[in-house]
N, C-alpha and C. Protein backbone atom coordinates (compact mmCIF):
# COMPACT_ATOMS: atom_id res chain seq x y z
N MET A 1 1.28 -12.42 22.41
CA MET A 1 1.42 -11.64 21.20
C MET A 1 2.39 -12.36 20.27
N ARG A 2 2.05 -12.48 19.03
CA ARG A 2 2.97 -13.05 18.05
C ARG A 2 4.00 -12.00 17.67
N LEU A 3 5.17 -12.49 17.21
CA LEU A 3 6.23 -11.57 16.84
C LEU A 3 5.79 -10.58 15.78
N TRP A 4 5.00 -11.03 14.79
CA TRP A 4 4.60 -10.14 13.72
C TRP A 4 3.71 -9.01 14.21
N ALA A 5 3.07 -9.21 15.34
CA ALA A 5 2.20 -8.16 15.88
C ALA A 5 3.02 -6.99 16.41
N SER A 6 4.30 -7.21 16.68
CA SER A 6 5.12 -6.13 17.25
C SER A 6 5.19 -4.92 16.33
N CYS A 7 5.12 -5.12 15.01
CA CYS A 7 5.18 -3.96 14.12
C CYS A 7 3.95 -3.08 14.28
N PHE A 8 2.77 -3.66 14.54
CA PHE A 8 1.59 -2.84 14.75
C PHE A 8 1.62 -2.16 16.10
N VAL A 9 2.11 -2.84 17.13
CA VAL A 9 2.26 -2.19 18.43
C VAL A 9 3.21 -1.00 18.29
N PHE A 10 4.32 -1.21 17.60
CA PHE A 10 5.28 -0.14 17.37
C PHE A 10 4.62 1.02 16.64
N ASN A 11 3.85 0.72 15.60
CA ASN A 11 3.17 1.78 14.85
C ASN A 11 2.19 2.55 15.73
N PHE A 12 1.41 1.86 16.53
CA PHE A 12 0.44 2.54 17.38
C PHE A 12 1.15 3.41 18.40
N LEU A 13 2.28 2.92 18.94
CA LEU A 13 3.05 3.75 19.87
C LEU A 13 3.57 4.99 19.16
N TRP A 14 4.09 4.79 17.95
CA TRP A 14 4.60 5.94 17.18
C TRP A 14 3.47 6.94 16.92
N PHE A 15 2.28 6.46 16.54
CA PHE A 15 1.14 7.34 16.31
C PHE A 15 0.76 8.07 17.59
N ALA A 16 0.82 7.38 18.74
CA ALA A 16 0.47 8.02 20.01
C ALA A 16 1.41 9.19 20.29
N VAL A 17 2.69 9.01 20.03
CA VAL A 17 3.66 10.09 20.22
C VAL A 17 3.39 11.21 19.22
N ALA A 18 3.23 10.84 17.95
CA ALA A 18 3.03 11.83 16.89
C ALA A 18 1.70 12.58 17.04
N SER A 19 0.70 11.93 17.64
CA SER A 19 -0.60 12.60 17.80
C SER A 19 -0.50 13.82 18.71
N HIS A 20 0.54 13.91 19.50
CA HIS A 20 0.77 15.07 20.37
C HIS A 20 1.68 16.10 19.72
N GLY A 21 2.00 15.90 18.45
CA GLY A 21 2.83 16.86 17.74
C GLY A 21 4.31 16.71 18.03
N VAL A 22 4.68 15.61 18.65
CA VAL A 22 6.07 15.36 18.99
C VAL A 22 6.74 14.67 17.81
N LYS A 23 7.92 15.15 17.42
CA LYS A 23 8.63 14.59 16.27
C LYS A 23 9.55 13.47 16.74
N VAL A 24 9.40 12.30 16.13
CA VAL A 24 10.25 11.16 16.44
C VAL A 24 11.54 11.30 15.65
N LEU A 25 12.66 11.47 16.36
CA LEU A 25 13.97 11.61 15.72
C LEU A 25 14.60 10.26 15.45
N SER A 26 14.40 9.32 16.36
CA SER A 26 14.90 7.97 16.15
C SER A 26 14.09 7.03 17.03
N ALA A 27 14.12 5.76 16.66
CA ALA A 27 13.38 4.76 17.42
C ALA A 27 14.03 3.40 17.21
N GLU A 28 13.84 2.54 18.17
CA GLU A 28 14.32 1.17 18.08
C GLU A 28 13.23 0.25 18.57
N ILE A 29 13.12 -0.89 17.93
CA ILE A 29 12.19 -1.93 18.37
C ILE A 29 13.00 -3.21 18.54
N HIS A 30 12.76 -3.88 19.65
CA HIS A 30 13.43 -5.15 19.92
C HIS A 30 12.38 -6.15 20.36
N THR A 31 12.21 -7.22 19.61
CA THR A 31 11.28 -8.28 19.96
C THR A 31 12.06 -9.35 20.71
N GLN A 32 11.67 -9.59 21.95
CA GLN A 32 12.35 -10.56 22.81
C GLN A 32 11.55 -11.85 22.86
N SER A 33 12.15 -12.88 23.44
CA SER A 33 11.41 -14.11 23.66
C SER A 33 10.38 -13.87 24.76
N GLY A 34 9.39 -14.71 24.82
CA GLY A 34 8.36 -14.55 25.84
C GLY A 34 7.39 -13.45 25.53
N ASP A 35 7.25 -13.09 24.26
CA ASP A 35 6.28 -12.07 23.82
C ASP A 35 6.54 -10.69 24.41
N LEU A 36 7.79 -10.37 24.68
CA LEU A 36 8.15 -9.06 25.19
C LEU A 36 8.69 -8.21 24.05
N VAL A 37 8.15 -7.00 23.92
CA VAL A 37 8.61 -6.06 22.90
C VAL A 37 9.09 -4.80 23.61
N LEU A 38 10.30 -4.36 23.30
CA LEU A 38 10.85 -3.15 23.88
C LEU A 38 11.00 -2.12 22.77
N ASP A 39 10.29 -1.01 22.88
CA ASP A 39 10.37 0.08 21.91
C ASP A 39 10.96 1.30 22.61
N ARG A 40 11.89 1.95 21.93
CA ARG A 40 12.55 3.14 22.49
C ARG A 40 12.46 4.26 21.46
N PHE A 41 11.99 5.44 21.89
CA PHE A 41 11.85 6.59 21.01
C PHE A 41 12.72 7.74 21.52
N VAL A 42 13.39 8.43 20.61
CA VAL A 42 14.05 9.69 20.92
C VAL A 42 13.23 10.75 20.19
N VAL A 43 12.70 11.72 20.94
CA VAL A 43 11.75 12.67 20.37
C VAL A 43 12.16 14.11 20.65
N GLU A 44 11.54 14.99 19.89
CA GLU A 44 11.69 16.43 20.08
C GLU A 44 10.29 17.01 20.14
N ASP A 45 10.05 17.85 21.14
CA ASP A 45 8.73 18.47 21.30
C ASP A 45 8.82 19.92 20.85
N PRO A 46 8.30 20.25 19.66
CA PRO A 46 8.42 21.61 19.14
C PRO A 46 7.58 22.65 19.90
N ASP A 47 6.69 22.18 20.77
CA ASP A 47 5.85 23.11 21.52
C ASP A 47 6.55 23.71 22.74
N PHE A 48 7.74 23.17 23.10
CA PHE A 48 8.43 23.63 24.29
C PHE A 48 9.91 23.81 24.00
N ALA A 49 10.50 24.94 24.46
CA ALA A 49 11.92 25.20 24.24
C ALA A 49 12.77 24.31 25.13
N GLY A 50 12.34 24.07 26.34
CA GLY A 50 13.08 23.22 27.27
C GLY A 50 12.34 21.92 27.48
N GLU A 51 12.51 21.37 28.67
CA GLU A 51 11.81 20.13 29.01
C GLU A 51 10.31 20.40 29.14
N PRO A 52 9.47 19.57 28.53
CA PRO A 52 8.02 19.77 28.63
C PRO A 52 7.55 19.60 30.08
N PRO A 53 6.44 20.26 30.44
CA PRO A 53 5.91 20.13 31.80
C PRO A 53 5.39 18.71 32.06
N ALA A 54 5.24 18.39 33.32
CA ALA A 54 4.82 17.05 33.74
C ALA A 54 3.48 16.65 33.13
N ASP A 55 2.51 17.59 33.03
CA ASP A 55 1.20 17.22 32.49
C ASP A 55 1.30 16.86 31.01
N ARG A 56 2.23 17.48 30.29
CA ARG A 56 2.45 17.13 28.88
C ARG A 56 2.98 15.70 28.77
N LEU A 57 3.98 15.38 29.59
CA LEU A 57 4.56 14.04 29.59
C LEU A 57 3.53 13.00 30.03
N ASP A 58 2.70 13.35 31.02
CA ASP A 58 1.64 12.43 31.46
C ASP A 58 0.66 12.16 30.34
N GLY A 59 0.30 13.20 29.58
CA GLY A 59 -0.63 13.03 28.46
C GLY A 59 -0.07 12.10 27.39
N ILE A 60 1.21 12.24 27.10
CA ILE A 60 1.84 11.37 26.11
C ILE A 60 1.91 9.94 26.63
N CYS A 61 2.24 9.77 27.91
CA CYS A 61 2.28 8.42 28.50
C CYS A 61 0.91 7.76 28.47
N GLN A 62 -0.13 8.52 28.77
CA GLN A 62 -1.49 7.99 28.72
C GLN A 62 -1.86 7.57 27.29
N ALA A 63 -1.44 8.37 26.31
CA ALA A 63 -1.70 8.04 24.91
C ALA A 63 -0.95 6.77 24.50
N LEU A 64 0.25 6.57 25.03
CA LEU A 64 1.02 5.36 24.73
C LEU A 64 0.29 4.12 25.27
N VAL A 65 -0.17 4.18 26.51
CA VAL A 65 -0.90 3.06 27.10
C VAL A 65 -2.18 2.79 26.31
N ALA A 66 -2.93 3.84 25.99
CA ALA A 66 -4.18 3.68 25.25
C ALA A 66 -3.95 3.10 23.86
N SER A 67 -2.82 3.45 23.25
CA SER A 67 -2.56 2.96 21.89
C SER A 67 -2.34 1.46 21.85
N VAL A 68 -1.76 0.90 22.90
CA VAL A 68 -1.54 -0.54 22.96
C VAL A 68 -2.87 -1.27 23.11
N GLU A 69 -3.81 -0.66 23.81
CA GLU A 69 -5.11 -1.29 24.05
C GLU A 69 -6.10 -1.04 22.92
N SER A 70 -5.79 -0.13 22.00
CA SER A 70 -6.71 0.25 20.93
C SER A 70 -6.49 -0.58 19.68
N GLU A 71 -7.52 -0.65 18.87
CA GLU A 71 -7.40 -1.30 17.57
C GLU A 71 -7.20 -0.30 16.45
N GLN A 72 -7.35 1.00 16.74
CA GLN A 72 -7.18 2.06 15.76
C GLN A 72 -6.08 3.01 16.22
N PRO A 73 -5.20 3.42 15.31
CA PRO A 73 -4.16 4.37 15.71
C PRO A 73 -4.75 5.76 15.96
N PRO A 74 -4.12 6.53 16.86
CA PRO A 74 -4.58 7.91 17.07
C PRO A 74 -4.36 8.74 15.81
N LYS A 75 -5.11 9.83 15.71
CA LYS A 75 -4.93 10.75 14.59
C LYS A 75 -3.66 11.56 14.80
N ILE A 76 -2.87 11.70 13.74
CA ILE A 76 -1.63 12.46 13.84
C ILE A 76 -1.93 13.95 13.68
N ARG A 77 -1.40 14.74 14.59
CA ARG A 77 -1.58 16.19 14.56
C ARG A 77 -0.76 16.78 13.42
N GLU A 78 -1.34 17.71 12.70
CA GLU A 78 -0.62 18.41 11.61
C GLU A 78 0.37 19.38 12.23
N VAL A 79 1.66 19.22 11.89
CA VAL A 79 2.67 20.10 12.46
C VAL A 79 3.41 20.90 11.40
N TRP A 80 3.20 20.60 10.12
CA TRP A 80 3.96 21.27 9.07
C TRP A 80 3.26 22.52 8.55
N GLY A 81 1.95 22.58 8.66
CA GLY A 81 1.22 23.75 8.18
C GLY A 81 1.21 23.86 6.67
N GLU A 82 1.00 25.08 6.17
CA GLU A 82 0.89 25.31 4.72
C GLU A 82 2.19 25.10 3.98
N ARG A 83 3.31 25.18 4.67
CA ARG A 83 4.61 24.98 4.02
C ARG A 83 4.80 23.54 3.57
N ALA A 84 3.97 22.63 4.04
CA ALA A 84 4.17 21.21 3.77
C ALA A 84 4.15 20.90 2.27
N SER A 85 3.21 21.48 1.52
CA SER A 85 3.11 21.14 0.10
C SER A 85 4.34 21.63 -0.67
N HIS A 86 4.85 22.80 -0.32
CA HIS A 86 6.07 23.30 -0.98
C HIS A 86 7.28 22.46 -0.61
N ALA A 87 7.39 22.11 0.66
CA ALA A 87 8.52 21.29 1.12
C ALA A 87 8.44 19.90 0.50
N LEU A 88 7.23 19.35 0.43
CA LEU A 88 7.07 18.01 -0.12
C LEU A 88 7.49 17.96 -1.58
N LYS A 89 7.15 18.98 -2.35
CA LYS A 89 7.55 19.01 -3.77
C LYS A 89 9.07 19.04 -3.91
N ALA A 90 9.74 19.77 -3.05
CA ALA A 90 11.20 19.82 -3.10
C ALA A 90 11.82 18.49 -2.71
N LEU A 91 11.21 17.81 -1.76
CA LEU A 91 11.76 16.55 -1.28
C LEU A 91 11.50 15.38 -2.21
N THR A 92 10.41 15.43 -2.98
CA THR A 92 10.06 14.28 -3.80
C THR A 92 11.06 14.03 -4.92
N SER A 93 11.93 14.98 -5.19
CA SER A 93 12.94 14.75 -6.21
C SER A 93 14.04 13.81 -5.71
N GLN A 94 14.09 13.58 -4.41
CA GLN A 94 15.07 12.67 -3.84
C GLN A 94 14.61 11.23 -4.05
N THR A 95 15.55 10.37 -4.41
CA THR A 95 15.23 8.99 -4.74
C THR A 95 15.08 8.15 -3.47
N THR A 96 14.02 7.35 -3.43
CA THR A 96 13.84 6.38 -2.35
C THR A 96 14.59 5.11 -2.72
N GLN A 97 15.28 4.55 -1.75
CA GLN A 97 16.01 3.31 -1.97
C GLN A 97 15.61 2.27 -0.94
N VAL A 98 15.49 1.03 -1.39
CA VAL A 98 15.28 -0.11 -0.49
C VAL A 98 16.41 -1.09 -0.77
N ARG A 99 17.19 -1.37 0.25
CA ARG A 99 18.30 -2.32 0.12
C ARG A 99 18.04 -3.51 1.03
N ILE A 100 18.34 -4.69 0.53
CA ILE A 100 18.14 -5.91 1.30
C ILE A 100 19.47 -6.63 1.44
N ASP A 101 19.79 -7.02 2.68
CA ASP A 101 21.08 -7.63 3.00
C ASP A 101 20.85 -8.96 3.72
N ASN A 102 21.36 -10.03 3.15
CA ASN A 102 21.28 -11.34 3.78
C ASN A 102 22.63 -11.83 4.27
N ASN A 103 23.67 -11.00 4.18
CA ASN A 103 25.01 -11.43 4.56
C ASN A 103 25.43 -10.99 5.96
N THR A 104 24.93 -9.88 6.44
CA THR A 104 25.41 -9.30 7.70
C THR A 104 24.93 -10.08 8.92
N SER A 105 23.71 -10.56 8.90
CA SER A 105 23.14 -11.26 10.05
C SER A 105 22.90 -12.73 9.71
N GLU A 106 23.19 -13.60 10.67
CA GLU A 106 22.93 -15.03 10.46
C GLU A 106 21.46 -15.35 10.62
N LYS A 107 20.75 -14.60 11.45
CA LYS A 107 19.37 -14.90 11.79
C LYS A 107 18.33 -14.11 10.98
N PHE A 108 18.69 -12.86 10.59
CA PHE A 108 17.71 -11.96 9.99
C PHE A 108 18.08 -11.55 8.57
N THR A 109 17.07 -11.22 7.79
CA THR A 109 17.23 -10.48 6.55
C THR A 109 17.11 -9.01 6.94
N ILE A 110 18.05 -8.19 6.50
CA ILE A 110 18.05 -6.78 6.88
C ILE A 110 17.50 -5.96 5.71
N VAL A 111 16.48 -5.15 6.00
CA VAL A 111 15.84 -4.30 5.01
C VAL A 111 16.11 -2.85 5.40
N ASP A 112 16.83 -2.12 4.54
CA ASP A 112 17.12 -0.70 4.76
C ASP A 112 16.25 0.13 3.83
N VAL A 113 15.60 1.15 4.37
CA VAL A 113 14.80 2.07 3.57
C VAL A 113 15.40 3.47 3.74
N PHE A 114 15.83 4.06 2.63
CA PHE A 114 16.37 5.42 2.60
C PHE A 114 15.38 6.29 1.83
N THR A 115 14.88 7.34 2.46
CA THR A 115 13.91 8.20 1.80
C THR A 115 13.85 9.54 2.54
N PHE A 116 12.88 10.38 2.19
CA PHE A 116 12.68 11.63 2.90
C PHE A 116 11.50 11.47 3.85
N ASP A 117 11.50 12.25 4.91
CA ASP A 117 10.51 12.13 5.97
C ASP A 117 9.18 12.72 5.55
N ARG A 118 8.11 12.06 5.95
CA ARG A 118 6.76 12.59 5.79
C ARG A 118 5.82 11.83 6.71
N VAL A 119 4.66 12.42 6.98
CA VAL A 119 3.68 11.85 7.88
C VAL A 119 3.21 10.50 7.34
N GLY A 120 3.18 9.52 8.21
CA GLY A 120 2.68 8.19 7.85
C GLY A 120 3.72 7.24 7.28
N LEU A 121 4.96 7.69 7.14
CA LEU A 121 5.99 6.86 6.51
C LEU A 121 6.25 5.58 7.30
N LEU A 122 6.54 5.69 8.57
CA LEU A 122 6.86 4.51 9.37
C LEU A 122 5.68 3.55 9.43
N TYR A 123 4.48 4.09 9.58
CA TYR A 123 3.29 3.24 9.58
C TYR A 123 3.17 2.48 8.27
N THR A 124 3.38 3.17 7.15
CA THR A 124 3.27 2.55 5.83
C THR A 124 4.29 1.43 5.65
N ILE A 125 5.52 1.67 6.07
CA ILE A 125 6.57 0.65 5.92
C ILE A 125 6.24 -0.57 6.78
N ALA A 126 5.90 -0.35 8.06
CA ALA A 126 5.61 -1.47 8.95
C ALA A 126 4.37 -2.24 8.51
N LYS A 127 3.36 -1.53 8.03
CA LYS A 127 2.15 -2.19 7.54
C LYS A 127 2.47 -3.04 6.32
N THR A 128 3.31 -2.54 5.43
CA THR A 128 3.71 -3.31 4.25
C THR A 128 4.50 -4.54 4.65
N LEU A 129 5.40 -4.42 5.61
CA LEU A 129 6.14 -5.59 6.10
C LEU A 129 5.18 -6.63 6.68
N TYR A 130 4.19 -6.18 7.42
CA TYR A 130 3.17 -7.08 7.97
C TYR A 130 2.40 -7.77 6.84
N GLU A 131 1.97 -7.00 5.84
CA GLU A 131 1.22 -7.58 4.71
C GLU A 131 2.07 -8.58 3.94
N LEU A 132 3.39 -8.40 3.96
CA LEU A 132 4.30 -9.34 3.32
C LEU A 132 4.59 -10.54 4.21
N GLU A 133 3.91 -10.62 5.36
CA GLU A 133 4.04 -11.70 6.32
C GLU A 133 5.46 -11.82 6.86
N LEU A 134 6.03 -10.64 7.20
CA LEU A 134 7.35 -10.58 7.78
C LEU A 134 7.24 -10.18 9.24
N SER A 135 8.11 -10.72 10.07
CA SER A 135 8.15 -10.40 11.49
C SER A 135 9.37 -9.53 11.75
N ILE A 136 9.18 -8.44 12.47
CA ILE A 136 10.27 -7.52 12.79
C ILE A 136 10.91 -7.98 14.10
N GLY A 137 12.18 -8.35 14.05
CA GLY A 137 12.90 -8.71 15.26
C GLY A 137 13.54 -7.50 15.90
N VAL A 138 14.12 -6.64 15.07
CA VAL A 138 14.76 -5.41 15.53
C VAL A 138 14.52 -4.35 14.47
N ALA A 139 14.29 -3.13 14.90
CA ALA A 139 14.18 -2.00 13.96
C ALA A 139 14.93 -0.82 14.54
N ARG A 140 15.60 -0.11 13.65
CA ARG A 140 16.28 1.12 14.04
C ARG A 140 15.80 2.21 13.09
N ILE A 141 15.21 3.23 13.66
CA ILE A 141 14.60 4.30 12.88
C ILE A 141 15.41 5.57 13.12
N GLY A 142 15.86 6.19 12.06
CA GLY A 142 16.64 7.41 12.20
C GLY A 142 16.15 8.50 11.27
N THR A 143 15.94 9.70 11.82
CA THR A 143 15.54 10.86 11.04
C THR A 143 16.61 11.93 11.22
N TYR A 144 17.16 12.39 10.13
CA TYR A 144 18.22 13.40 10.15
C TYR A 144 17.78 14.55 9.26
N ILE A 145 17.28 15.60 9.88
CA ILE A 145 16.67 16.75 9.23
C ILE A 145 15.47 16.24 8.42
N ASP A 146 15.59 16.06 7.11
CA ASP A 146 14.47 15.55 6.31
C ASP A 146 14.74 14.16 5.76
N GLN A 147 15.87 13.57 6.07
CA GLN A 147 16.24 12.25 5.57
C GLN A 147 15.90 11.18 6.60
N VAL A 148 15.45 10.03 6.10
CA VAL A 148 15.09 8.91 6.95
C VAL A 148 15.93 7.71 6.56
N VAL A 149 16.46 7.03 7.56
CA VAL A 149 17.12 5.75 7.36
C VAL A 149 16.43 4.79 8.33
N ASP A 150 15.60 3.91 7.80
CA ASP A 150 14.88 2.93 8.62
C ASP A 150 15.46 1.55 8.31
N VAL A 151 15.89 0.85 9.35
CA VAL A 151 16.51 -0.46 9.19
C VAL A 151 15.68 -1.47 9.96
N PHE A 152 15.26 -2.52 9.26
CA PHE A 152 14.43 -3.56 9.85
C PHE A 152 15.12 -4.90 9.72
N TYR A 153 15.26 -5.61 10.82
CA TYR A 153 15.78 -6.98 10.83
C TYR A 153 14.54 -7.88 10.84
N VAL A 154 14.32 -8.60 9.76
CA VAL A 154 13.07 -9.34 9.60
C VAL A 154 13.32 -10.82 9.33
N THR A 155 12.28 -11.59 9.62
CA THR A 155 12.20 -13.00 9.24
C THR A 155 10.80 -13.24 8.70
N ASP A 156 10.57 -14.41 8.14
CA ASP A 156 9.19 -14.77 7.80
C ASP A 156 8.49 -15.14 9.11
N TRP A 157 7.20 -15.44 9.06
CA TRP A 157 6.46 -15.70 10.29
C TRP A 157 6.91 -16.99 10.97
N ALA A 158 7.64 -17.83 10.25
CA ALA A 158 8.18 -19.05 10.85
C ALA A 158 9.54 -18.80 11.51
N GLY A 159 10.03 -17.56 11.42
CA GLY A 159 11.30 -17.20 12.05
C GLY A 159 12.52 -17.44 11.17
N GLN A 160 12.31 -17.61 9.88
CA GLN A 160 13.41 -17.90 8.95
C GLN A 160 13.78 -16.66 8.13
N LYS A 161 15.07 -16.56 7.78
CA LYS A 161 15.52 -15.52 6.86
C LYS A 161 14.82 -15.72 5.51
N ILE A 162 14.68 -14.65 4.77
CA ILE A 162 14.09 -14.73 3.44
C ILE A 162 15.25 -14.90 2.46
N ILE A 163 15.30 -16.06 1.80
CA ILE A 163 16.43 -16.33 0.90
C ILE A 163 16.01 -16.47 -0.55
N ASP A 164 14.72 -16.68 -0.79
CA ASP A 164 14.24 -16.83 -2.16
C ASP A 164 14.35 -15.49 -2.90
N GLU A 165 15.06 -15.50 -4.02
CA GLU A 165 15.32 -14.26 -4.77
C GLU A 165 14.03 -13.59 -5.25
N ASN A 166 13.05 -14.38 -5.68
CA ASN A 166 11.77 -13.80 -6.12
C ASN A 166 11.06 -13.11 -4.96
N ARG A 167 11.11 -13.71 -3.79
CA ARG A 167 10.49 -13.12 -2.60
C ARG A 167 11.21 -11.83 -2.21
N LEU A 168 12.53 -11.82 -2.29
CA LEU A 168 13.30 -10.61 -1.97
C LEU A 168 12.96 -9.48 -2.94
N ARG A 169 12.80 -9.81 -4.22
CA ARG A 169 12.42 -8.79 -5.21
C ARG A 169 11.01 -8.26 -4.92
N GLU A 170 10.10 -9.16 -4.50
CA GLU A 170 8.74 -8.73 -4.16
C GLU A 170 8.76 -7.78 -2.96
N ILE A 171 9.55 -8.09 -1.96
CA ILE A 171 9.65 -7.22 -0.77
C ILE A 171 10.12 -5.84 -1.19
N ARG A 172 11.17 -5.79 -1.97
CA ARG A 172 11.72 -4.51 -2.42
C ARG A 172 10.69 -3.74 -3.25
N ARG A 173 10.05 -4.42 -4.19
CA ARG A 173 9.05 -3.78 -5.07
C ARG A 173 7.87 -3.23 -4.27
N ARG A 174 7.36 -4.02 -3.33
CA ARG A 174 6.19 -3.60 -2.55
C ARG A 174 6.53 -2.42 -1.63
N LEU A 175 7.72 -2.45 -1.03
CA LEU A 175 8.10 -1.33 -0.17
C LEU A 175 8.29 -0.05 -0.98
N LEU A 176 8.97 -0.15 -2.10
CA LEU A 176 9.13 1.03 -2.96
C LEU A 176 7.78 1.57 -3.40
N GLY A 177 6.87 0.68 -3.79
CA GLY A 177 5.53 1.10 -4.21
C GLY A 177 4.76 1.78 -3.10
N ALA A 178 4.82 1.22 -1.90
CA ALA A 178 4.08 1.79 -0.77
C ALA A 178 4.62 3.16 -0.38
N VAL A 179 5.95 3.30 -0.34
CA VAL A 179 6.56 4.57 0.05
C VAL A 179 6.29 5.63 -1.03
N THR A 180 6.39 5.24 -2.29
CA THR A 180 6.12 6.16 -3.39
C THR A 180 4.66 6.61 -3.39
N ALA A 181 3.75 5.71 -3.08
CA ALA A 181 2.32 6.04 -3.07
C ALA A 181 2.00 7.09 -2.00
N LEU A 182 2.80 7.16 -0.93
CA LEU A 182 2.58 8.19 0.10
C LEU A 182 2.69 9.59 -0.47
N VAL A 183 3.59 9.78 -1.42
CA VAL A 183 3.79 11.10 -2.04
C VAL A 183 2.63 11.42 -2.96
N GLU A 184 2.11 10.41 -3.63
CA GLU A 184 1.07 10.62 -4.64
C GLU A 184 -0.29 10.84 -4.03
N ASP A 185 -0.49 10.40 -2.77
CA ASP A 185 -1.81 10.55 -2.12
C ASP A 185 -2.10 11.98 -1.74
C-alpha cells in the first residue's frame, strides 16, 4: 500500500464505524514504514447507555474488516433525524478555518481544519488531500460537542514537505471550498 492510500483506508474505516450509528469523538492515523497503517478511534454508541453487547461490537469489527477489502465506503446511518436541518443552519454561521504550519515539524507540513461537525466531513477532507496528491503521515481528529479540530501531518507523494507558497495557498483554498460545499449540498 502506498502512503497516500492510507487516507482512503482511514476514510473507509471511519465510514464502517459511522454506518452503525456510532459517533467518532476522536481518531488518529499513523502511517508507519513497511506499509503499516495504525488507526485508532474513540467512539460513542448512542444506542446503548453502557457498554454495547458483544454482537454489536462483532458487527462493527466485521464492518471494519469489510471496509478495508471494499472499494466503496459503507452507507452512513442517519442519526440526527429531522433536527439536523435546524441544527445545521445554526452551525453554518461559524467560520471554517484552514491553517497551514511549516515550522513545527521538520518532516511534515501540518494542516489544521477548524469547523463544525457534519456527516461526510472527514471523508471530504481526506479525499481532498488525496486529490491534492498529499500523503497523510499522521492525523489527529477531535470532535468536541459540535466543533471539529482535524490535524493532518502531510507530505507530497515523494515524501517532501510542501514549501511552495502557491501550492500552500491552493491546499488552503481547495480544503475551504470542499468543506464549504458540504453545507451547500
